[in-house]
């Protein structure tokens, strides 16, 4: 997958270079500034939920390249008698809810930005198994680096998890319309929405519904109207 849809003029390439430099510079500064907060959150998670304090998972990035994604842990490892994890709603702690509401659980992703796996702004990195479920148009979301926040997040955040087609449409719109000014707008609106605690999670769910593919989503829409 190549970014053939992105303009290749010198200005666009220059801005992309600036974005990469700014990402790494701001991530390094943010890690230093927020290091006391990161330490306090890590200790609090350890005392409440034990080890590990950071959740890691392989996620696909630009051009589908898989990287290790970091996030503060918000759920316990509680299991049933058969050894299976309890539902997410039962494992999500009050402290975990607080971390999600304030987006403090996202702080470890600053390391992903510093490493070059992610950007501050871009389509959110989803699950590796989704790569084979995208349509060709939806797969274009991987033409740019994934982000800590993005255009879809400020236009619904996790409420869009039940509407994958709309979420991916917004992701591709960002790919086609990216600019440094748009990134600044997204960052500003992200801070505003986090402070307002707007649309933190999908109603009735601790985590979003899984994307099973476009045919599955169409079937769900049909069934919901019957």
Protein backbone atom coordinates (compact mmCIF):
# COMPACT_ATOMS: atom_id res chain seq x y z
CA UNK A 1 0.00 0.00 0.00
CA UNK A 2 1.45 3.33 -1.04
CA UNK A 3 0.38 6.86 -0.38
CA UNK A 4 -0.35 7.44 -4.08
CA UNK A 5 -3.42 9.51 -3.24
CA UNK A 6 -1.41 12.06 -1.28
CA UNK A 7 -0.13 15.08 -3.22
CA UNK A 8 3.53 14.67 -4.08
CA UNK A 9 4.35 18.35 -4.57
CA UNK A 10 7.34 19.76 -2.75
CA UNK A 11 5.21 21.77 -0.31
CA UNK A 12 3.33 18.66 0.88
CA UNK A 13 6.56 16.71 1.32
CA UNK A 14 8.12 19.65 3.16
CA UNK A 15 5.15 19.89 5.52
CA UNK A 16 5.28 16.15 6.17
CA UNK A 17 8.95 16.49 7.09
CA UNK A 18 8.10 19.35 9.45
CA UNK A 19 5.33 17.25 11.01
CA UNK A 20 7.73 14.37 11.66
CA UNK A 21 10.30 16.67 13.27
CA UNK A 22 7.64 18.40 15.39
CA UNK A 23 6.17 15.07 16.47
CA UNK A 24 9.48 13.81 17.80
CA UNK A 25 10.46 17.12 19.38
CA UNK A 26 7.10 17.64 21.11
CA UNK A 27 6.96 14.00 22.22
CA UNK A 28 10.39 14.32 23.87
CA UNK A 29 9.33 17.55 25.61
CA UNK A 30 5.99 16.06 26.68
CA UNK A 31 7.66 12.96 28.12
CA UNK A 32 9.90 15.19 30.24
CA UNK A 33 7.09 17.51 31.33
CA UNK A 34 4.63 14.74 32.11
CA UNK A 35 7.16 12.31 33.61
CA UNK A 36 5.95 13.04 37.19
CA UNK A 37 2.35 12.39 36.11
CA UNK A 38 3.37 9.22 34.28
CA UNK A 39 5.21 8.00 37.39
CA UNK A 40 2.26 8.73 39.71
CA UNK A 41 -0.22 7.03 37.38
CA UNK A 42 2.05 4.00 37.01
CA UNK A 43 2.38 3.63 40.80
CA UNK A 44 -1.39 4.04 41.27
CA UNK A 45 -2.12 1.35 38.66
CA UNK A 46 0.38 -1.01 40.29
CA UNK A 47 -1.18 -0.51 43.72
CA UNK A 48 -4.73 -0.99 42.42
CA UNK A 49 -4.31 -3.61 39.70
CA UNK A 50 -0.81 -5.00 40.03
CA UNK A 51 1.67 -5.71 37.25
CA UNK A 52 1.91 -4.91 34.36
CA UNK A 53 0.96 -1.25 34.52
CA UNK A 54 1.22 -0.74 30.76
CA UNK A 55 -0.97 -2.54 28.24
CA UNK A 56 0.89 -3.52 25.06
CA UNK A 57 -0.52 -4.89 21.84
CA UNK A 58 0.60 -5.19 18.21
CA UNK A 59 -1.12 -2.58 16.05
CA UNK A 60 -0.75 -1.75 12.34
CA UNK A 61 0.74 1.60 11.45
CA UNK A 62 1.63 3.38 8.22
CA UNK A 63 1.48 1.03 5.22
CA UNK A 64 0.25 -1.71 7.57
CA UNK A 65 3.59 -2.06 9.35
CA UNK A 66 2.97 -3.63 12.76
CA UNK A 67 4.42 -1.98 15.86
CA UNK A 68 4.06 -2.41 19.63
CA UNK A 69 1.35 -0.09 20.93
CA UNK A 70 1.54 1.24 24.51
CA UNK A 71 -1.27 2.35 26.79
CA UNK A 72 -1.80 2.49 30.55
CA UNK A 73 -3.74 -0.48 31.81
CA UNK A 74 -7.37 0.25 32.79
CA UNK A 75 -8.78 -3.26 33.37
CA UNK A 76 -7.98 -6.10 35.76
CA UNK A 77 -7.06 -9.66 34.73
CA UNK A 78 -10.04 -11.24 36.49
CA UNK A 79 -11.17 -14.56 34.99
CA UNK A 80 -14.05 -16.98 35.43
CA UNK A 81 -13.81 -20.54 36.72
CA UNK A 82 -12.84 -21.77 33.24
CA UNK A 83 -9.94 -19.34 33.05
CA UNK A 84 -11.58 -16.98 30.55
CA UNK A 85 -11.46 -13.22 31.01
CA UNK A 86 -14.59 -11.72 32.54
CA UNK A 87 -16.49 -9.24 30.33
CA UNK A 88 -14.73 -5.90 29.87
CA UNK A 89 -17.49 -4.11 31.80
CA UNK A 90 -16.66 -6.17 34.90
CA UNK A 91 -12.90 -5.76 34.58
CA UNK A 92 -12.91 -2.01 34.00
CA UNK A 93 -12.15 -0.36 37.35
CA UNK A 94 -13.31 3.03 38.61
CA UNK A 95 -9.73 4.23 38.42
CA UNK A 96 -9.56 2.85 34.87
CA UNK A 97 -12.66 4.84 33.97
CA UNK A 98 -11.00 7.95 35.35
CA UNK A 99 -7.88 7.32 33.25
CA UNK A 100 -10.01 6.97 30.13
CA UNK A 101 -12.15 10.02 30.87
CA UNK A 102 -9.06 12.18 31.29
CA UNK A 103 -7.14 10.39 28.48
CA UNK A 104 -4.28 9.79 30.93
CA UNK A 105 -4.24 6.19 29.72
CA UNK A 106 -2.89 7.51 26.39
CA UNK A 107 0.30 9.01 27.87
CA UNK A 108 2.54 5.97 27.09
CA UNK A 109 1.82 6.58 23.41
CA UNK A 110 4.18 9.54 23.60
CA UNK A 111 6.90 6.88 23.41
CA UNK A 112 5.29 5.55 20.21
CA UNK A 113 5.41 9.06 18.76
CA UNK A 114 9.05 9.53 19.78
CA UNK A 115 9.94 6.20 18.16
CA UNK A 116 8.23 7.23 14.94
CA UNK A 117 5.50 4.56 15.10
CA UNK A 118 2.77 7.15 15.56
CA UNK A 119 2.02 10.84 15.19
CA UNK A 120 0.14 13.15 17.53
CA UNK A 121 -2.63 13.35 14.91
CA UNK A 122 -3.79 10.63 12.53
CA UNK A 123 -6.25 7.75 12.28
CA UNK A 124 -6.30 5.75 15.51
CA UNK A 125 -4.34 2.46 15.30
CA UNK A 126 -6.78 -0.44 15.44
CA UNK A 127 -6.34 -4.23 15.56
CA UNK A 128 -4.07 -6.20 13.24
CA UNK A 129 -6.88 -8.56 12.23
CA UNK A 130 -8.80 -5.64 10.74
CA UNK A 131 -6.26 -5.32 7.91
CA UNK A 132 -7.88 -8.15 5.96
CA UNK A 133 -11.40 -6.83 6.61
CA UNK A 134 -11.05 -3.34 5.12
CA UNK A 135 -12.35 -2.37 1.72
CA UNK A 136 -9.72 -0.84 -0.57
CA UNK A 137 -11.00 2.63 0.28
CA UNK A 138 -11.01 1.98 4.03
CA UNK A 139 -7.46 0.60 3.87
CA UNK A 140 -6.29 4.06 2.74
CA UNK A 141 -6.36 5.11 6.42
CA UNK A 142 -2.95 3.40 6.59
CA UNK A 143 -1.38 5.76 4.06
CA UNK A 144 -0.36 8.00 6.97
CA UNK A 145 0.93 7.33 10.47
CA UNK A 146 -1.71 6.55 13.09
CA UNK A 147 -2.26 9.17 15.77
CA UNK A 148 -2.99 9.61 19.46
CA UNK A 149 -6.00 11.63 18.33
CA UNK A 150 -7.62 12.17 14.96
CA UNK A 151 -10.40 13.65 12.86
CA UNK A 152 -12.78 10.79 13.71
CA UNK A 153 -12.09 11.20 17.45
CA UNK A 154 -13.13 14.85 17.52
CA UNK A 155 -16.23 13.98 15.49
CA UNK A 156 -17.69 11.44 17.87
CA UNK A 157 -14.76 9.75 19.67
CA UNK A 158 -15.83 6.24 20.73
CA UNK A 159 -19.48 6.80 19.88
CA UNK A 160 -18.37 6.07 16.31
CA UNK A 161 -17.22 2.57 17.28
CA UNK A 162 -20.72 1.34 16.46
CA UNK A 163 -20.54 2.96 13.00
CA UNK A 164 -17.32 1.77 11.40
CA UNK A 165 -18.22 2.99 7.91
CA UNK A 166 -18.51 6.57 9.15
CA UNK A 167 -15.36 6.30 11.25
CA UNK A 168 -13.33 5.06 8.28
CA UNK A 169 -14.86 7.71 6.01
CA UNK A 170 -13.60 10.36 8.42
CA UNK A 171 -10.17 8.71 8.56
CA UNK A 172 -9.85 8.74 4.76
CA UNK A 173 -11.10 12.33 4.65
CA UNK A 174 -8.20 13.23 6.94
CA UNK A 175 -5.74 11.46 4.63
CA UNK A 176 -7.00 13.48 1.66
CA UNK A 177 -7.21 16.81 3.46
CA UNK A 178 -4.24 16.69 5.82
CA UNK A 179 -2.40 19.92 6.64
CA UNK A 180 -0.49 21.31 9.58
CA UNK A 181 -3.36 23.71 10.24
CA UNK A 182 -5.84 20.83 10.33
CA UNK A 183 -3.60 19.02 12.83
CA UNK A 184 -3.54 22.11 15.06
CA UNK A 185 -7.34 22.33 14.89
CA UNK A 186 -7.68 18.65 15.82
CA UNK A 187 -5.29 19.00 18.76
CA UNK A 188 -7.16 22.05 20.06
CA UNK A 189 -10.56 20.36 19.76
CA UNK A 190 -9.20 17.18 21.37
CA UNK A 191 -8.17 19.10 24.49
CA UNK A 192 -11.60 20.74 24.60
CA UNK A 193 -13.46 17.45 24.27
CA UNK A 194 -11.29 15.72 26.88
CA UNK A 195 -11.99 18.54 29.35
CA UNK A 196 -15.70 18.22 28.56
CA UNK A 197 -15.47 14.41 28.95
CA UNK A 198 -17.43 14.17 25.73
CA UNK A 199 -18.32 10.79 24.20
CA UNK A 200 -15.72 8.82 26.14
CA UNK A 201 -17.19 5.41 25.41
CA UNK A 202 -19.89 3.77 23.37
CA UNK A 203 -23.15 3.64 25.39
CA UNK A 204 -23.49 0.32 27.18
CA UNK A 205 -19.95 -0.82 26.46
CA UNK A 206 -16.62 -0.56 28.26
CA UNK A 207 -14.89 -1.01 24.91
CA UNK A 208 -16.07 -0.57 21.35
CA UNK A 209 -17.68 -3.27 19.23
CA UNK A 210 -15.31 -5.28 17.03
CA UNK A 211 -15.16 -4.52 13.31
CA UNK A 212 -16.05 -7.78 11.59
CA UNK A 213 -15.93 -6.48 8.04
CA UNK A 214 -18.18 -4.50 5.76
CA UNK A 215 -20.57 -7.34 4.97
CA UNK A 216 -21.07 -8.01 8.68
CA UNK A 217 -21.73 -4.31 9.34
CA UNK A 218 -24.28 -4.19 6.52
CA UNK A 219 -26.05 -7.24 7.95
CA UNK A 220 -26.17 -5.63 11.37
CA UNK A 221 -27.72 -2.50 9.87
CA UNK A 222 -30.35 -4.55 8.05
CA UNK A 223 -31.17 -6.56 11.16
CA UNK A 224 -31.53 -3.40 13.23
CA UNK A 225 -34.30 -2.18 10.91
CA UNK A 226 -36.31 -5.43 10.93
